[in-house]
Amino acid sequence: MYETMLMARRIDERMWLLNRAGKIAFVISCQGQEAAQVGAAFALDHTKDYIAPYYRDMGVVLHFGMTPKDLMLSAFAKAEDPNSGGRQMPGHFGQKKNRILTGSSPVATQVPHAVGVALVAKMQNKDYVSFVTLGEGSTNQGDFHEGLNFAGVHKLPVITMVENNKYAISVPIEKQLGCAQVSDRAIGYGMPGYTVDGMNPLEVYKAVKEAADRARAGEGPTLIEAITYRLTAHSSDDDDRQYRSADDIAQGRANDPITRFENYLKENGVATDEILNEINVRVMQAVNEATDYAEEAPYSPPEHALKHVYAEGADE
């Protein structure tokens, strides 16, 4: 779990450097949310469950089979990008072989998709669950309501995890919700709702594992709210100094989930500084190799811009 969290962080940090160097166009960051993502992903069965991740979910897709090279190819918009062949901006994950449902730019649209996959599981009596994530700002979209309402009515095996990072782009949580917590909304959909510490991967793992067990037992959906903190601006095109104070950001960084998990592992005798350093060296080697490969990889030829837009090979 720690290595996957660190891999997500180091890839993300590298992408910011590449963006500022003018080598990639856009970054939408996972920093601060790795614990929630990785804790949840490890609680699922990555050999059979389906995921509908949102744009920050680098930790989730890494566990489900995407590689650092895949993610860098996407960042550079190269032809080998497995998500879209370089057609889509980073964070629009999609990989059929790993059951990663393709995401789209309008937020919350992934919720009905995940619910639809769960409906198939129930109709065909298949042993898998679907897992969907989104930010707390996205829970104010109609897709969220429609998806969860349908899941609750039909008791579908879908887990919805809201990564509450306190800001919907630039709007703080108190201007987004009329209730105290996102999880308070669960009762209206006829499903259990839980709020957990999203900076602790083990707490998130426990909540998602219990939800997955209930879903597999035919007990229906669950709404989980993981409280996190976004350590960066909303994206590389955002200036969060316009809506967050320096003290607010400093407090968030003091609670960095990677630092917290490192301390936990050392305090409980699971890892030493030497082991953690070895992991970091291994992770950085993978990030460097992925960066070099993606930077040198070819772009799609210009004539491919219209591929997958119009039907090909028709008689007329």
C-alpha atoms as a PDB file:
ATOM      1  CA  MET A   1       0.000   0.000   0.000  1.00  0.00           C
ATOM      2  CA  TYR A   2       2.773   2.415   0.901  1.00  0.00           C
ATOM      3  CA  GLU A   3       4.650   1.775  -2.333  1.00  0.00           C
ATOM      4  CA  THR A   4       1.526   2.396  -4.424  1.00  0.00           C
ATOM      5  CA  MET A   5       0.818   5.623  -2.521  1.00  0.00           C
ATOM      6  CA  LEU A   6       4.395   6.760  -3.030  1.00  0.00           C
ATOM      7  CA  MET A   7       4.319   5.832  -6.722  1.00  0.00           C
ATOM      8  CA  ALA A   8       1.230   7.993  -7.223  1.00  0.00           C
ATOM      9  CA  ARG A   9       2.890  10.896  -5.388  1.00  0.00           C
ATOM     10  CA  ARG A  10       6.175  10.695  -7.273  1.00  0.00           C
ATOM     11  CA  ILE A  11       4.465  10.439 -10.681  1.00  0.00           C
ATOM     12  CA  ASP A  12       2.298  13.419  -9.775  1.00  0.00           C
ATOM     13  CA  GLU A  13       5.285  15.476  -8.626  1.00  0.00           C
ATOM     14  CA  ARG A  14       7.101  14.660 -11.854  1.00  0.00           C
ATOM     15  CA  MET A  15       4.095  15.720 -13.910  1.00  0.00           C
ATOM     16  CA  TRP A  16       4.068  19.128 -12.211  1.00  0.00           C
ATOM     17  CA  LEU A  17       7.751  19.608 -13.075  1.00  0.00           C
ATOM     18  CA  LEU A  18       7.096  18.602 -16.675  1.00  0.00           C
ATOM     19  CA  ASN A  19       4.156  20.985 -16.867  1.00  0.00           C
ATOM     20  CA  ARG A  20       6.146  23.904 -15.505  1.00  0.00           C
ATOM     21  CA  ALA A  21       8.919  23.055 -17.975  1.00  0.00           C
ATOM     22  CA  GLY A  22       6.411  23.337 -20.814  1.00  0.00           C
ATOM     23  CA  LYS A  23       6.646  19.645 -21.749  1.00  0.00           C
ATOM     24  CA  ILE A  24       3.107  18.556 -20.847  1.00  0.00           C
ATOM     25  CA  ALA A  25      -0.010  20.678 -21.073  1.00  0.00           C
ATOM     26  CA  PHE A  26      -2.027  19.868 -17.966  1.00  0.00           C
ATOM     27  CA  VAL A  27      -1.931  18.239 -14.529  1.00  0.00           C
ATOM     28  CA  ILE A  28      -4.854  17.462 -12.242  1.00  0.00           C
ATOM     29  CA  SER A  29      -3.324  16.256  -9.037  1.00  0.00           C
ATOM     30  CA  CYS A  30      -3.809  13.354  -6.624  1.00  0.00           C
ATOM     31  CA  GLN A  31      -1.531  14.766  -3.921  1.00  0.00           C
ATOM     32  CA  GLY A  32      -3.101  14.463  -0.470  1.00  0.00           C
ATOM     33  CA  GLN A  33      -5.652  11.872  -1.589  1.00  0.00           C
ATOM     34  CA  GLU A  34      -3.379   8.868  -2.124  1.00  0.00           C
ATOM     35  CA  ALA A  35      -4.301   7.184   1.173  1.00  0.00           C
ATOM     36  CA  ALA A  36      -8.026   7.154   0.399  1.00  0.00           C
ATOM     37  CA  GLN A  37      -7.425   5.920  -3.132  1.00  0.00           C
ATOM     38  CA  VAL A  38      -4.992   3.145  -2.301  1.00  0.00           C
ATOM     39  CA  GLY A  39      -6.799   1.996   0.833  1.00  0.00           C
ATOM     40  CA  ALA A  40     -10.001   1.623  -1.179  1.00  0.00           C
ATOM     41  CA  ALA A  41      -8.354  -0.072  -4.163  1.00  0.00           C
ATOM     42  CA  PHE A  42      -6.679  -2.686  -1.971  1.00  0.00           C
ATOM     43  CA  ALA A  43     -10.070  -3.576  -0.450  1.00  0.00           C
ATOM     44  CA  LEU A  44     -11.396  -4.547  -3.886  1.00  0.00           C
ATOM     45  CA  ASP A  45     -10.613  -7.542  -6.090  1.00  0.00           C
ATOM     46  CA  HIS A  46      -8.589  -6.081  -8.953  1.00  0.00           C
ATOM     47  CA  THR A  47      -8.989  -9.319 -10.924  1.00  0.00           C
ATOM     48  CA  LYS A  48     -12.771  -9.033 -11.309  1.00  0.00           C
ATOM     49  CA  ASP A  49     -14.259  -5.823  -9.874  1.00  0.00           C
ATOM     50  CA  TYR A  50     -14.992  -2.782 -12.068  1.00  0.00           C
ATOM     51  CA  ILE A  51     -13.938   0.767 -11.243  1.00  0.00           C
ATOM     52  CA  ALA A  52     -15.197   4.125 -12.501  1.00  0.00           C
ATOM     53  CA  PRO A  53     -12.490   6.470 -11.202  1.00  0.00           C
ATOM     54  CA  TYR A  54     -12.551  10.234 -11.238  1.00  0.00           C
ATOM     55  CA  TYR A  55      -9.734  12.364 -12.571  1.00  0.00           C
ATOM     56  CA  ARG A  56      -7.547  12.407  -9.443  1.00  0.00           C
ATOM     57  CA  ASP A  57      -7.545   8.638  -8.898  1.00  0.00           C
ATOM     58  CA  MET A  58      -3.991   7.759  -9.824  1.00  0.00           C
ATOM     59  CA  GLY A  59      -3.649   5.539  -6.750  1.00  0.00           C
ATOM     60  CA  VAL A  60      -6.727   3.515  -7.708  1.00  0.00           C
ATOM     61  CA  VAL A  61      -5.747   2.908 -11.327  1.00  0.00           C
ATOM     62  CA  LEU A  62      -2.162   1.984 -10.397  1.00  0.00           C
ATOM     63  CA  HIS A  63      -3.461  -0.844  -8.214  1.00  0.00           C
ATOM     64  CA  PHE A  64      -5.873  -1.953 -10.937  1.00  0.00           C
ATOM     65  CA  GLY A  65      -3.080  -2.419 -13.464  1.00  0.00           C
ATOM     66  CA  MET A  66      -2.126   0.888 -15.042  1.00  0.00           C
ATOM     67  CA  THR A  67       1.620   1.444 -15.068  1.00  0.00           C
ATOM     68  CA  PRO A  68       3.756   4.564 -14.600  1.00  0.00           C
ATOM     69  CA  LYS A  69       4.528   4.313 -18.320  1.00  0.00           C
ATOM     70  CA  ASP A  70       0.782   4.287 -19.138  1.00  0.00           C
ATOM     71  CA  LEU A  71       0.227   7.413 -17.060  1.00  0.00           C
ATOM     72  CA  MET A  72       3.187   9.258 -18.524  1.00  0.00           C
ATOM     73  CA  LEU A  73       2.125   8.393 -22.078  1.00  0.00           C
ATOM     74  CA  SER A  74      -1.215   9.966 -21.243  1.00  0.00           C
ATOM     75  CA  ALA A  75       0.418  13.075 -19.783  1.00  0.00           C
ATOM     76  CA  PHE A  76       2.504  13.538 -22.949  1.00  0.00           C
ATOM     77  CA  ALA A  77      -0.546  12.736 -25.171  1.00  0.00           C
ATOM     78  CA  LYS A  78       1.373  10.119 -27.128  1.00  0.00           C
ATOM     79  CA  ALA A  79      -0.002   7.531 -29.547  1.00  0.00           C
ATOM     80  CA  GLU A  80       0.531   4.685 -27.059  1.00  0.00           C
ATOM     81  CA  ASP A  81      -1.584   6.388 -24.377  1.00  0.00           C
ATOM     82  CA  PRO A  82      -3.914   3.509 -23.354  1.00  0.00           C
ATOM     83  CA  ASN A  83      -6.722   5.834 -22.304  1.00  0.00           C
ATOM     84  CA  SER A  84      -7.359   7.580 -25.609  1.00  0.00           C
ATOM     85  CA  GLY A  85      -4.327   7.396 -27.863  1.00  0.00           C
ATOM     86  CA  GLY A  86      -3.434  10.965 -26.922  1.00  0.00           C
ATOM     87  CA  ARG A  87      -6.881  12.396 -27.724  1.00  0.00           C
ATOM     88  CA  GLN A  88      -7.937  13.179 -24.170  1.00  0.00           C
ATOM     89  CA  MET A  89      -6.420  15.270 -21.398  1.00  0.00           C
ATOM     90  CA  PRO A  90      -4.755  13.478 -18.435  1.00  0.00           C
ATOM     91  CA  GLY A  91      -6.993  12.050 -15.719  1.00  0.00           C
ATOM     92  CA  HIS A  92      -9.509  10.586 -18.169  1.00  0.00           C
ATOM     93  CA  PHE A  93      -8.657   7.015 -17.272  1.00  0.00           C
ATOM     94  CA  GLY A  94     -10.009   4.089 -19.265  1.00  0.00           C
ATOM     95  CA  GLN A  95      -8.617   0.601 -19.857  1.00  0.00           C
ATOM     96  CA  LYS A  96     -10.872  -2.266 -20.862  1.00  0.00           C
ATOM     97  CA  LYS A  97      -8.475  -5.086 -19.953  1.00  0.00           C
ATOM     98  CA  ASN A  98      -8.306  -3.845 -16.353  1.00  0.00           C
ATOM     99  CA  ARG A  99     -12.043  -3.064 -16.083  1.00  0.00           C
ATOM    100  CA  ILE A 100     -11.450   0.679 -15.759  1.00  0.00           C
ATOM    101  CA  LEU A 101     -14.517   2.455 -17.152  1.00  0.00           C
ATOM    102  CA  THR A 102     -13.634   5.384 -19.372  1.00  0.00           C
ATOM    103  CA  GLY A 103     -14.196   8.712 -17.663  1.00  0.00           C
ATOM    104  CA  SER A 104     -15.507  11.882 -19.252  1.00  0.00           C
ATOM    105  CA  SER A 105     -15.029  15.589 -18.568  1.00  0.00           C
ATOM    106  CA  PRO A 106     -18.479  16.452 -17.135  1.00  0.00           C
ATOM    107  CA  VAL A 107     -18.170  15.577 -13.449  1.00  0.00           C
ATOM    108  CA  ALA A 108     -20.312  12.838 -11.840  1.00  0.00           C
ATOM    109  CA  THR A 109     -21.214  11.178 -15.151  1.00  0.00           C
ATOM    110  CA  GLN A 110     -19.248   8.145 -13.976  1.00  0.00           C
ATOM    111  CA  VAL A 111     -21.808   7.443 -11.225  1.00  0.00           C
ATOM    112  CA  PRO A 112     -24.661   6.183 -13.457  1.00  0.00           C
ATOM    113  CA  HIS A 113     -22.088   4.213 -15.468  1.00  0.00           C
ATOM    114  CA  ALA A 114     -20.889   2.372 -12.364  1.00  0.00           C
ATOM    115  CA  VAL A 115     -24.472   1.780 -11.279  1.00  0.00           C
ATOM    116  CA  GLY A 116     -25.226   0.325 -14.712  1.00  0.00           C
ATOM    117  CA  VAL A 117     -22.315  -2.098 -14.373  1.00  0.00           C
ATOM    118  CA  ALA A 118     -23.643  -3.129 -10.956  1.00  0.00           C
ATOM    119  CA  LEU A 119     -27.108  -3.668 -12.474  1.00  0.00           C
ATOM    120  CA  VAL A 120     -25.562  -6.120 -14.961  1.00  0.00           C
ATOM    121  CA  ALA A 121     -23.877  -7.962 -12.077  1.00  0.00           C
ATOM    122  CA  LYS A 122     -27.227  -8.388 -10.362  1.00  0.00           C
ATOM    123  CA  MET A 123     -29.143  -9.327 -13.513  1.00  0.00           C
ATOM    124  CA  GLN A 124     -26.549 -11.908 -14.548  1.00  0.00           C
ATOM    125  CA  ASN A 125     -25.805 -13.082 -10.993  1.00  0.00           C
ATOM    126  CA  LYS A 126     -22.104 -12.255 -11.400  1.00  0.00           C
ATOM    127  CA  ASP A 127     -19.732 -12.080  -8.446  1.00  0.00           C
ATOM    128  CA  TYR A 128     -18.253  -8.622  -8.827  1.00  0.00           C
ATOM    129  CA  VAL A 129     -18.876  -5.162  -7.450  1.00  0.00           C
ATOM    130  CA  SER A 130     -18.451  -1.791  -9.101  1.00  0.00           C
ATOM    131  CA  PHE A 131     -16.657   1.056  -7.375  1.00  0.00           C
ATOM    132  CA  VAL A 132     -17.007   4.716  -8.277  1.00  0.00           C
ATOM    133  CA  THR A 133     -15.301   7.817  -6.908  1.00  0.00           C
ATOM    134  CA  LEU A 134     -15.885  11.537  -7.160  1.00  0.00           C
ATOM    135  CA  GLY A 135     -15.135  14.755  -5.337  1.00  0.00           C
ATOM    136  CA  GLU A 136     -17.569  16.253  -2.839  1.00  0.00           C
ATOM    137  CA  GLY A 137     -18.376  19.083  -5.248  1.00  0.00           C
ATOM    138  CA  SER A 138     -19.603  16.523  -7.772  1.00  0.00           C
ATOM    139  CA  THR A 139     -22.169  15.181  -5.289  1.00  0.00           C
ATOM    140  CA  ASN A 140     -24.248  18.274  -6.090  1.00  0.00           C
ATOM    141  CA  GLN A 141     -24.774  17.109  -9.675  1.00  0.00           C
ATOM    142  CA  GLY A 142     -27.936  15.356 -10.790  1.00  0.00           C
ATOM    143  CA  ASP A 143     -25.988  12.288 -11.956  1.00  0.00           C
ATOM    144  CA  PHE A 144     -24.989  11.591  -8.342  1.00  0.00           C
ATOM    145  CA  HIS A 145     -28.597  11.675  -7.154  1.00  0.00           C
ATOM    146  CA  GLU A 146     -29.941   9.616 -10.040  1.00  0.00           C
ATOM    147  CA  GLY A 147     -27.212   6.997  -9.749  1.00  0.00           C
ATOM    148  CA  LEU A 148     -27.454   6.522  -5.998  1.00  0.00           C
ATOM    149  CA  ASN A 149     -31.238   6.603  -6.008  1.00  0.00           C
ATOM    150  CA  PHE A 150     -31.358   3.862  -8.664  1.00  0.00           C
ATOM    151  CA  ALA A 151     -28.727   1.816  -6.797  1.00  0.00           C
ATOM    152  CA  GLY A 152     -30.683   2.102  -3.561  1.00  0.00           C
ATOM    153  CA  VAL A 153     -34.010   1.155  -5.120  1.00  0.00           C
ATOM    154  CA  HIS A 154     -32.571  -1.958  -6.782  1.00  0.00           C
ATOM    155  CA  LYS A 155     -30.057  -2.845  -4.031  1.00  0.00           C
ATOM    156  CA  LEU A 156     -27.156  -2.969  -6.487  1.00  0.00           C
ATOM    157  CA  PRO A 157     -23.568  -4.044  -5.667  1.00  0.00           C
ATOM    158  CA  VAL A 158     -21.980  -0.624  -6.112  1.00  0.00           C
ATOM    159  CA  ILE A 159     -19.773   1.350  -3.732  1.00  0.00           C
ATOM    160  CA  THR A 160     -19.636   5.132  -4.095  1.00  0.00           C
ATOM    161  CA  MET A 161     -16.666   6.806  -2.424  1.00  0.00           C
ATOM    162  CA  VAL A 162     -16.584  10.582  -2.181  1.00  0.00           C
ATOM    163  CA  GLU A 163     -13.061  11.960  -1.784  1.00  0.00           C
ATOM    164  CA  ASN A 164     -13.917  15.074   0.183  1.00  0.00           C
ATOM    165  CA  ASN A 165     -10.881  17.325  -0.269  1.00  0.00           C
ATOM    166  CA  LYS A 166     -12.693  20.390   1.135  1.00  0.00           C
ATOM    167  CA  TYR A 167     -12.857  22.425  -2.089  1.00  0.00           C
ATOM    168  CA  ALA A 168     -14.886  22.073  -5.291  1.00  0.00           C
ATOM    169  CA  ILE A 169     -12.322  23.898  -7.418  1.00  0.00           C
ATOM    170  CA  SER A 170     -12.486  27.132  -5.416  1.00  0.00           C
ATOM    171  CA  VAL A 171     -15.680  26.705  -3.350  1.00  0.00           C
ATOM    172  CA  PRO A 172     -15.233  25.531   0.263  1.00  0.00           C
ATOM    173  CA  ILE A 173     -17.293  22.665   1.659  1.00  0.00           C
ATOM    174  CA  GLU A 174     -19.541  24.916   3.777  1.00  0.00           C
ATOM    175  CA  LYS A 175     -20.829  26.564   0.595  1.00  0.00           C
ATOM    176  CA  GLN A 176     -21.533  23.219  -1.067  1.00  0.00           C
ATOM    177  CA  LEU A 177     -23.627  21.238   1.426  1.00  0.00           C
ATOM    178  CA  GLY A 178     -26.714  22.037   3.459  1.00  0.00           C
ATOM    179  CA  CYS A 179     -26.050  18.981   5.628  1.00  0.00           C
ATOM    180  CA  ALA A 180     -23.050  18.404   7.872  1.00  0.00           C
ATOM    181  CA  GLN A 181     -21.497  15.549   5.890  1.00  0.00           C
ATOM    182  CA  VAL A 182     -21.843  14.025   2.433  1.00  0.00           C
ATOM    183  CA  SER A 183     -22.567  10.684   4.090  1.00  0.00           C
ATOM    184  CA  ASP A 184     -25.721  12.192   5.644  1.00  0.00           C
ATOM    185  CA  ARG A 185     -27.284  11.944   2.185  1.00  0.00           C
ATOM    186  CA  ALA A 186     -27.132   8.138   2.209  1.00  0.00           C
ATOM    187  CA  ILE A 187     -30.314   7.720   4.242  1.00  0.00           C
ATOM    188  CA  GLY A 188     -32.308   9.393   1.478  1.00  0.00           C
ATOM    189  CA  TYR A 189     -31.162   6.685  -0.928  1.00  0.00           C
ATOM    190  CA  GLY A 190     -31.848   3.781   1.425  1.00  0.00           C
ATOM    191  CA  MET A 191     -28.233   2.776   1.916  1.00  0.00           C
ATOM    192  CA  PRO A 192     -25.672   2.960   4.726  1.00  0.00           C
ATOM    193  CA  GLY A 193     -23.364   5.971   4.736  1.00  0.00           C
ATOM    194  CA  TYR A 194     -20.034   6.347   6.519  1.00  0.00           C
ATOM    195  CA  THR A 195     -17.500   9.139   6.972  1.00  0.00           C
ATOM    196  CA  VAL A 196     -13.905   7.989   7.489  1.00  0.00           C
ATOM    197  CA  ASP A 197     -10.437   9.485   7.817  1.00  0.00           C
ATOM    198  CA  GLY A 198      -9.277   9.606   4.221  1.00  0.00           C
ATOM    199  CA  MET A 199      -5.719  10.353   5.317  1.00  0.00           C
ATOM    200  CA  ASN A 200      -5.478   6.839   6.811  1.00  0.00           C
ATOM    201  CA  PRO A 201      -5.397   4.048   4.201  1.00  0.00           C
ATOM    202  CA  LEU A 202      -6.238   1.377   6.755  1.00  0.00           C
ATOM    203  CA  GLU A 203      -9.448   3.108   7.840  1.00  0.00           C
ATOM    204  CA  VAL A 204     -10.528   3.480   4.230  1.00  0.00           C
ATOM    205  CA  TYR A 205      -9.597  -0.134   3.521  1.00  0.00           C
ATOM    206  CA  LYS A 206     -11.807  -1.314   6.390  1.00  0.00           C
ATOM    207  CA  ALA A 207     -14.812   0.721   5.272  1.00  0.00           C
ATOM    208  CA  VAL A 208     -14.556  -0.306   1.611  1.00  0.00           C
ATOM    209  CA  LYS A 209     -13.880  -3.966   2.475  1.00  0.00           C
ATOM    210  CA  GLU A 210     -17.016  -4.093   4.625  1.00  0.00           C
ATOM    211  CA  ALA A 211     -19.004  -2.400   1.862  1.00  0.00           C
ATOM    212  CA  ALA A 212     -17.673  -4.863  -0.728  1.00  0.00           C
ATOM    213  CA  ASP A 213     -18.557  -7.825   1.504  1.00  0.00           C
ATOM    214  CA  ARG A 214     -22.106  -6.503   1.922  1.00  0.00           C
ATOM    215  CA  ALA A 215     -22.432  -5.927  -1.827  1.00  0.00           C
ATOM    216  CA  ARG A 216     -21.241  -9.454  -2.643  1.00  0.00           C
ATOM    217  CA  ALA A 217     -23.722 -10.832  -0.111  1.00  0.00           C
ATOM    218  CA  GLY A 218     -26.600  -9.131  -1.926  1.00  0.00           C
ATOM    219  CA  GLU A 219     -27.084  -6.410   0.688  1.00  0.00           C
ATOM    220  CA  GLY A 220     -26.850  -3.526  -1.770  1.00  0.00           C
ATOM    221  CA  PRO A 221     -24.895  -0.287  -2.141  1.00  0.00           C
ATOM    222  CA  THR A 222     -22.882   1.870   0.256  1.00  0.00           C
ATOM    223  CA  LEU A 223     -21.883   5.541   0.312  1.00  0.00           C
ATOM    224  CA  ILE A 224     -18.480   6.285   1.850  1.00  0.00           C
ATOM    225  CA  GLU A 225     -17.071   9.764   2.449  1.00  0.00           C
ATOM    226  CA  ALA A 226     -13.288   9.884   2.846  1.00  0.00           C
ATOM    227  CA  ILE A 227     -12.105  13.163   4.372  1.00  0.00           C
ATOM    228  CA  THR A 228      -8.904  14.256   2.612  1.00  0.00           C
ATOM    229  CA  TYR A 229      -7.071  17.453   1.790  1.00  0.00           C
ATOM    230  CA  ARG A 230      -5.975  18.607  -1.648  1.00  0.00           C
ATOM    231  CA  LEU A 231      -2.309  19.540  -1.280  1.00  0.00           C
ATOM    232  CA  THR A 232      -2.067  21.308  -4.641  1.00  0.00           C
ATOM    233  CA  ALA A 233      -4.129  23.738  -6.641  1.00  0.00           C
ATOM    234  CA  HIS A 234      -7.206  22.268  -8.338  1.00  0.00           C
ATOM    235  CA  SER A 235      -5.136  21.830 -11.489  1.00  0.00           C
ATOM    236  CA  SER A 236      -2.079  23.287 -13.171  1.00  0.00           C
ATOM    237  CA  ASP A 237      -4.359  26.061 -14.510  1.00  0.00           C
ATOM    238  CA  ASP A 238      -5.563  27.113 -11.043  1.00  0.00           C
ATOM    239  CA  ASP A 239      -4.113  29.512  -8.466  1.00  0.00           C
ATOM    240  CA  ASP A 240      -5.385  28.318  -5.081  1.00  0.00           C
ATOM    241  CA  ARG A 241      -3.863  31.336  -3.319  1.00  0.00           C
ATOM    242  CA  GLN A 242      -6.980  33.187  -4.468  1.00  0.00           C
ATOM    243  CA  TYR A 243      -9.239  31.150  -2.149  1.00  0.00           C
ATOM    244  CA  ARG A 244      -7.001  29.362   0.405  1.00  0.00           C
ATOM    245  CA  SER A 245      -4.871  30.979   3.083  1.00  0.00           C
ATOM    246  CA  ALA A 246      -1.234  30.070   3.660  1.00  0.00           C
ATOM    247  CA  ASP A 247      -2.173  28.762   7.114  1.00  0.00           C
ATOM    248  CA  ASP A 248      -4.838  26.509   5.625  1.00  0.00           C
ATOM    249  CA  ILE A 249      -2.372  24.993   3.152  1.00  0.00           C
ATOM    250  CA  ALA A 250       0.337  24.617   5.826  1.00  0.00           C
ATOM    251  CA  GLN A 251      -2.083  22.778   8.093  1.00  0.00           C
ATOM    252  CA  GLY A 252      -3.021  20.443   5.253  1.00  0.00           C
ATOM    253  CA  ARG A 253       0.618  19.693   4.482  1.00  0.00           C
ATOM    254  CA  ALA A 254       1.296  18.957   8.165  1.00  0.00           C
ATOM    255  CA  ASN A 255      -1.239  16.135   7.855  1.00  0.00           C
ATOM    256  CA  ASP A 256       0.285  14.667   4.654  1.00  0.00           C
ATOM    257  CA  PRO A 257      -1.025  11.068   4.397  1.00  0.00           C
ATOM    258  CA  ILE A 258       2.283   9.699   3.112  1.00  0.00           C
ATOM    259  CA  THR A 259       4.235  11.123   6.038  1.00  0.00           C
ATOM    260  CA  ARG A 260       1.567   9.855   8.434  1.00  0.00           C
ATOM    261  CA  PHE A 261       1.702   6.349   6.971  1.00  0.00           C
ATOM    262  CA  GLU A 262       5.507   6.310   7.039  1.00  0.00           C
ATOM    263  CA  ASN A 263       5.402   7.145  10.746  1.00  0.00           C
ATOM    264  CA  TYR A 264       2.776   4.463  11.373  1.00  0.00           C
ATOM    265  CA  LEU A 265       4.858   1.806   9.590  1.00  0.00           C
ATOM    266  CA  LYS A 266       7.983   2.713  11.552  1.00  0.00           C
ATOM    267  CA  GLU A 267       6.228   2.994  14.913  1.00  0.00           C
ATOM    268  CA  ASN A 268       4.689  -0.457  14.455  1.00  0.00           C
ATOM    269  CA  GLY A 269       7.887  -2.137  13.323  1.00  0.00           C
ATOM    270  CA  VAL A 270       6.627  -2.807   9.798  1.00  0.00           C
ATOM    271  CA  ALA A 271       9.313  -0.750   8.065  1.00  0.00           C
ATOM    272  CA  THR A 272      12.556   1.051   8.800  1.00  0.00           C
ATOM    273  CA  ASP A 273      14.006   4.189   7.260  1.00  0.00           C
ATOM    274  CA  GLU A 274      16.283   1.934   5.218  1.00  0.00           C
ATOM    275  CA  ILE A 275      13.342  -0.041   3.794  1.00  0.00           C
ATOM    276  CA  LEU A 276      11.410   3.145   3.016  1.00  0.00           C
ATOM    277  CA  ASN A 277      14.453   4.619   1.273  1.00  0.00           C
ATOM    278  CA  GLU A 278      14.822   1.449  -0.808  1.00  0.00           C
ATOM    279  CA  ILE A 279      11.178   1.742  -1.862  1.00  0.00           C
ATOM    280  CA  ASN A 280      11.673   5.381  -2.835  1.00  0.00           C
ATOM    281  CA  VAL A 281      14.724   4.506  -4.957  1.00  0.00           C
ATOM    282  CA  ARG A 282      12.747   1.771  -6.725  1.00  0.00           C
ATOM    283  CA  VAL A 283       9.797   4.091  -7.288  1.00  0.00           C
ATOM    284  CA  MET A 284      11.962   6.918  -8.635  1.00  0.00           C
ATOM    285  CA  GLN A 285      13.695   4.537 -11.045  1.00  0.00           C
ATOM    286  CA  ALA A 286      10.285   3.512 -12.424  1.00  0.00           C
ATOM    287  CA  VAL A 287       9.191   7.163 -12.706  1.00  0.00           C
ATOM    288  CA  ASN A 288      12.410   8.137 -14.492  1.00  0.00           C
ATOM    289  CA  GLU A 289      12.124   5.237 -16.932  1.00  0.00           C
ATOM    290  CA  ALA A 290       8.458   6.027 -17.611  1.00  0.00           C
ATOM    291  CA  THR A 291       9.240   9.711 -18.180  1.00  0.00           C
ATOM    292  CA  ASP A 292      12.081   8.987 -20.596  1.00  0.00           C
ATOM    293  CA  TYR A 293      10.035   6.436 -22.527  1.00  0.00           C
ATOM    294  CA  ALA A 294       6.965   8.665 -22.839  1.00  0.00           C
ATOM    295  CA  GLU A 295       8.938  11.752 -23.815  1.00  0.00           C
ATOM    296  CA  GLU A 296      10.620   9.853 -26.660  1.00  0.00           C
ATOM    297  CA  ALA A 297       7.485   7.977 -27.787  1.00  0.00           C
ATOM    298  CA  PRO A 298       5.847   9.094 -31.064  1.00  0.00           C
ATOM    299  CA  TYR A 299       2.715  11.181 -31.317  1.00  0.00           C
ATOM    300  CA  SER A 300      -0.235   9.894 -33.325  1.00  0.00           C
ATOM    301  CA  PRO A 301      -0.072  10.870 -37.013  1.00  0.00           C
ATOM    302  CA  PRO A 302      -2.275  13.881 -37.795  1.00  0.00           C
ATOM    303  CA  GLU A 303      -4.603  11.827 -39.982  1.00  0.00           C
ATOM    304  CA  HIS A 304      -5.600   9.794 -36.921  1.00  0.00           C
ATOM    305  CA  ALA A 305      -7.425  12.811 -35.502  1.00  0.00           C
ATOM    306  CA  LEU A 306     -10.645  11.571 -37.121  1.00  0.00           C
ATOM    307  CA  LYS A 307     -10.271   7.927 -36.112  1.00  0.00           C
ATOM    308  CA  HIS A 308     -13.115   6.655 -33.933  1.00  0.00           C
ATOM    309  CA  VAL A 309     -15.217   9.639 -35.004  1.00  0.00           C
ATOM    310  CA  TYR A 310     -16.714   8.401 -38.289  1.00  0.00           C
ATOM    311  CA  ALA A 311     -17.465   4.825 -39.350  1.00  0.00           C
ATOM    312  CA  GLU A 312     -14.696   3.289 -41.422  1.00  0.00           C
ATOM    313  CA  GLY A 313     -14.779   0.634 -44.124  1.00  0.00           C
ATOM    314  CA  ALA A 314     -18.414   1.142 -45.128  1.00  0.00           C
ATOM    315  CA  ASP A 315     -19.439   0.596 -48.737  1.00  0.00           C
ATOM    316  CA  GLU A 316     -20.935   4.047 -49.051  1.00  0.00           C
END
